[in-house]
Amino acid sequence: MPYDEATVYLVRDTLLIVLKIAAPILAAGMAIGLVISLIQSVTSIQDQTLTFVPKIGVMIMVAAFLLPWIAMRLIEYASEMFLLKP
């Protein structure tokens, strides 16, 4: 089954943009989750909600802080897509 090379590159570029945008947000969530897990293991607190609320809060703050950067990446990608010739 033959594949169109342009389509493969388009999908690859799209996935790379998604990974670049999501990576800092997910890394912040993972880091705060690790810190909270260490605190829970040291203090023997096993409440599951204790991990979710700080993770969500930190991930929202990181996303809000990176919003201008995310918007620029998406605008650049969209302009590249509009300039492609069919």
N, C-alpha and C. Protein backbone atom coordinates (compact mmCIF):
# COMPACT_ATOMS: atom_id res chain seq x y z
N MET A 1 0.84 -1.17 0.00
CA MET A 1 0.00 0.00 0.00
C MET A 1 0.90 1.24 0.00
N PRO A 2 0.85 2.02 -1.05
CA PRO A 2 1.73 3.19 -1.14
C PRO A 2 1.23 4.34 -0.26
N TYR A 3 2.18 5.03 0.34
CA TYR A 3 1.86 6.17 1.19
C TYR A 3 2.36 7.44 0.52
N ASP A 4 1.59 8.49 0.69
CA ASP A 4 2.01 9.79 0.19
C ASP A 4 3.02 10.36 1.18
N GLU A 5 4.21 10.68 0.70
CA GLU A 5 5.27 11.17 1.58
C GLU A 5 4.89 12.46 2.29
N ALA A 6 4.19 13.33 1.60
CA ALA A 6 3.79 14.61 2.20
C ALA A 6 2.86 14.38 3.39
N THR A 7 1.98 13.40 3.27
CA THR A 7 1.06 13.10 4.36
C THR A 7 1.81 12.56 5.57
N VAL A 8 2.76 11.71 5.33
CA VAL A 8 3.56 11.15 6.43
C VAL A 8 4.32 12.27 7.15
N TYR A 9 4.91 13.19 6.41
CA TYR A 9 5.64 14.30 7.02
C TYR A 9 4.69 15.23 7.77
N LEU A 10 3.49 15.43 7.24
CA LEU A 10 2.51 16.26 7.91
C LEU A 10 2.10 15.67 9.25
N VAL A 11 1.84 14.38 9.26
CA VAL A 11 1.45 13.71 10.51
C VAL A 11 2.63 13.73 11.49
N ARG A 12 3.83 13.50 11.00
CA ARG A 12 5.01 13.52 11.87
C ARG A 12 5.21 14.90 12.49
N ASP A 13 5.08 15.95 11.68
CA ASP A 13 5.23 17.31 12.21
C ASP A 13 4.14 17.65 13.22
N THR A 14 2.93 17.19 12.95
CA THR A 14 1.84 17.43 13.88
C THR A 14 2.10 16.76 15.22
N LEU A 15 2.55 15.52 15.19
CA LEU A 15 2.85 14.81 16.43
C LEU A 15 4.00 15.46 17.20
N LEU A 16 4.99 15.96 16.48
CA LEU A 16 6.11 16.63 17.14
C LEU A 16 5.66 17.92 17.82
N ILE A 17 4.79 18.68 17.16
CA ILE A 17 4.27 19.91 17.77
C ILE A 17 3.48 19.58 19.03
N VAL A 18 2.66 18.54 18.96
CA VAL A 18 1.87 18.13 20.12
C VAL A 18 2.79 17.72 21.27
N LEU A 19 3.83 16.97 20.98
CA LEU A 19 4.77 16.56 22.02
C LEU A 19 5.51 17.75 22.62
N LYS A 20 5.92 18.70 21.78
CA LYS A 20 6.63 19.88 22.28
C LYS A 20 5.74 20.72 23.18
N ILE A 21 4.46 20.80 22.84
CA ILE A 21 3.54 21.60 23.65
C ILE A 21 3.18 20.89 24.95
N ALA A 22 2.96 19.58 24.88
CA ALA A 22 2.50 18.84 26.06
C ALA A 22 3.63 18.49 27.03
N ALA A 23 4.85 18.38 26.55
CA ALA A 23 5.95 17.92 27.39
C ALA A 23 6.19 18.77 28.64
N PRO A 24 6.25 20.10 28.54
CA PRO A 24 6.50 20.87 29.77
C PRO A 24 5.37 20.74 30.80
N ILE A 25 4.14 20.67 30.32
CA ILE A 25 3.00 20.56 31.22
C ILE A 25 3.02 19.20 31.91
N LEU A 26 3.26 18.16 31.15
CA LEU A 26 3.31 16.82 31.73
C LEU A 26 4.51 16.64 32.66
N ALA A 27 5.63 17.24 32.31
CA ALA A 27 6.82 17.15 33.16
C ALA A 27 6.58 17.84 34.50
N ALA A 28 5.88 18.97 34.48
CA ALA A 28 5.57 19.66 35.74
C ALA A 28 4.64 18.80 36.60
N GLY A 29 3.66 18.17 35.98
CA GLY A 29 2.76 17.29 36.72
C GLY A 29 3.48 16.10 37.30
N MET A 30 4.41 15.55 36.52
CA MET A 30 5.17 14.41 37.00
C MET A 30 6.09 14.80 38.15
N ALA A 31 6.72 15.96 38.05
CA ALA A 31 7.63 16.41 39.11
C ALA A 31 6.87 16.67 40.41
N ILE A 32 5.75 17.35 40.33
CA ILE A 32 4.99 17.64 41.56
C ILE A 32 4.42 16.35 42.12
N GLY A 33 4.04 15.40 41.25
CA GLY A 33 3.56 14.10 41.72
C GLY A 33 4.63 13.35 42.48
N LEU A 34 5.86 13.42 42.00
CA LEU A 34 6.98 12.77 42.67
C LEU A 34 7.24 13.39 44.04
N VAL A 35 7.21 14.72 44.10
CA VAL A 35 7.43 15.41 45.37
C VAL A 35 6.33 15.06 46.37
N ILE A 36 5.08 15.08 45.93
CA ILE A 36 3.97 14.75 46.82
C ILE A 36 4.06 13.29 47.26
N SER A 37 4.46 12.40 46.37
CA SER A 37 4.60 10.98 46.74
C SER A 37 5.68 10.79 47.80
N LEU A 38 6.79 11.52 47.66
CA LEU A 38 7.84 11.45 48.67
C LEU A 38 7.35 11.96 50.01
N ILE A 39 6.62 13.07 49.99
CA ILE A 39 6.07 13.61 51.23
C ILE A 39 5.09 12.63 51.85
N GLN A 40 4.25 12.00 51.03
CA GLN A 40 3.29 11.02 51.54
C GLN A 40 3.99 9.82 52.15
N SER A 41 5.05 9.36 51.51
CA SER A 41 5.73 8.18 52.06
C SER A 41 6.47 8.51 53.36
N VAL A 42 6.98 9.72 53.47
CA VAL A 42 7.67 10.10 54.69
C VAL A 42 6.69 10.30 55.85
N THR A 43 5.52 10.89 55.55
CA THR A 43 4.56 11.17 56.62
C THR A 43 3.50 10.08 56.78
N SER A 44 3.55 9.05 55.96
CA SER A 44 2.59 7.93 56.00
C SER A 44 1.14 8.37 55.77
N ILE A 45 0.97 9.43 55.00
CA ILE A 45 -0.38 9.87 54.61
C ILE A 45 -0.69 9.20 53.27
N GLN A 46 -1.79 8.49 53.19
CA GLN A 46 -2.12 7.75 51.97
C GLN A 46 -3.40 8.25 51.29
N ASP A 47 -3.70 9.51 51.41
CA ASP A 47 -4.90 10.08 50.80
C ASP A 47 -4.64 10.32 49.31
N GLN A 48 -5.46 9.73 48.45
CA GLN A 48 -5.26 9.84 47.00
C GLN A 48 -5.56 11.24 46.48
N THR A 49 -6.50 11.94 47.09
CA THR A 49 -6.83 13.29 46.61
C THR A 49 -5.69 14.26 46.86
N LEU A 50 -4.83 13.94 47.78
CA LEU A 50 -3.70 14.82 48.07
C LEU A 50 -2.75 14.94 46.87
N THR A 51 -2.70 13.94 46.02
CA THR A 51 -1.81 14.01 44.86
C THR A 51 -2.48 14.70 43.68
N PHE A 52 -3.77 14.51 43.50
CA PHE A 52 -4.42 15.03 42.30
C PHE A 52 -4.59 16.54 42.32
N VAL A 53 -4.98 17.11 43.43
CA VAL A 53 -5.24 18.54 43.49
C VAL A 53 -3.99 19.37 43.22
N PRO A 54 -2.85 19.10 43.86
CA PRO A 54 -1.64 19.88 43.53
C PRO A 54 -1.18 19.65 42.09
N LYS A 55 -1.30 18.42 41.59
CA LYS A 55 -0.89 18.15 40.21
C LYS A 55 -1.70 18.98 39.23
N ILE A 56 -3.01 18.97 39.41
CA ILE A 56 -3.88 19.73 38.51
C ILE A 56 -3.58 21.21 38.60
N GLY A 57 -3.39 21.70 39.84
CA GLY A 57 -3.08 23.12 40.02
C GLY A 57 -1.79 23.54 39.35
N VAL A 58 -0.75 22.75 39.54
CA VAL A 58 0.55 23.08 38.94
C VAL A 58 0.48 22.99 37.42
N MET A 59 -0.20 21.98 36.90
CA MET A 59 -0.30 21.83 35.45
C MET A 59 -1.08 22.99 34.83
N ILE A 60 -2.11 23.47 35.51
CA ILE A 60 -2.86 24.62 35.00
C ILE A 60 -2.00 25.88 35.05
N MET A 61 -1.23 26.06 36.13
CA MET A 61 -0.36 27.23 36.23
C MET A 61 0.73 27.21 35.15
N VAL A 62 1.31 26.04 34.90
CA VAL A 62 2.34 25.93 33.86
C VAL A 62 1.73 26.20 32.49
N ALA A 63 0.55 25.67 32.23
CA ALA A 63 -0.11 25.92 30.95
C ALA A 63 -0.43 27.40 30.78
N ALA A 64 -0.88 28.05 31.84
CA ALA A 64 -1.18 29.49 31.76
C ALA A 64 0.10 30.30 31.55
N PHE A 65 1.18 29.90 32.21
CA PHE A 65 2.45 30.60 32.05
C PHE A 65 3.01 30.43 30.63
N LEU A 66 2.83 29.25 30.06
CA LEU A 66 3.36 28.96 28.72
C LEU A 66 2.39 29.28 27.60
N LEU A 67 1.24 29.85 27.92
CA LEU A 67 0.23 30.11 26.89
C LEU A 67 0.74 30.96 25.72
N PRO A 68 1.52 32.04 25.94
CA PRO A 68 2.03 32.78 24.78
C PRO A 68 2.95 31.93 23.89
N TRP A 69 3.79 31.13 24.50
CA TRP A 69 4.68 30.26 23.74
C TRP A 69 3.89 29.21 22.96
N ILE A 70 2.88 28.62 23.60
CA ILE A 70 2.04 27.62 22.95
C ILE A 70 1.30 28.25 21.78
N ALA A 71 0.77 29.44 21.98
CA ALA A 71 0.04 30.12 20.91
C ALA A 71 0.95 30.41 19.72
N MET A 72 2.18 30.84 19.99
CA MET A 72 3.11 31.11 18.89
C MET A 72 3.44 29.84 18.11
N ARG A 73 3.67 28.72 18.81
CA ARG A 73 3.95 27.47 18.10
C ARG A 73 2.76 27.07 17.22
N LEU A 74 1.55 27.20 17.74
CA LEU A 74 0.38 26.82 16.97
C LEU A 74 0.14 27.76 15.79
N ILE A 75 0.41 29.05 15.98
CA ILE A 75 0.25 30.01 14.88
C ILE A 75 1.27 29.73 13.79
N GLU A 76 2.52 29.45 14.18
CA GLU A 76 3.55 29.11 13.19
C GLU A 76 3.17 27.85 12.42
N TYR A 77 2.69 26.86 13.13
CA TYR A 77 2.31 25.60 12.46
C TYR A 77 1.12 25.81 11.54
N ALA A 78 0.13 26.57 11.98
CA ALA A 78 -1.04 26.83 11.14
C ALA A 78 -0.66 27.61 9.89
N SER A 79 0.23 28.58 10.04
CA SER A 79 0.64 29.35 8.85
C SER A 79 1.42 28.47 7.87
N GLU A 80 2.21 27.55 8.39
CA GLU A 80 2.91 26.60 7.51
C GLU A 80 1.91 25.72 6.76
N MET A 81 0.85 25.30 7.44
CA MET A 81 -0.15 24.44 6.82
C MET A 81 -0.93 25.18 5.74
N PHE A 82 -1.22 26.46 5.97
CA PHE A 82 -1.94 27.24 4.96
C PHE A 82 -1.07 27.55 3.74
N LEU A 83 0.24 27.57 3.92
CA LEU A 83 1.14 27.86 2.80
C LEU A 83 1.47 26.64 1.96
N LEU A 84 1.11 25.45 2.44
CA LEU A 84 1.38 24.23 1.68
C LEU A 84 0.55 24.20 0.40
N LYS A 85 1.16 23.72 -0.63
CA LYS A 85 0.44 23.58 -1.91
C LYS A 85 -0.19 22.21 -1.97
N PRO A 86 -1.44 22.12 -2.41
CA PRO A 86 -2.10 20.79 -2.50
C PRO A 86 -1.52 19.91 -3.56
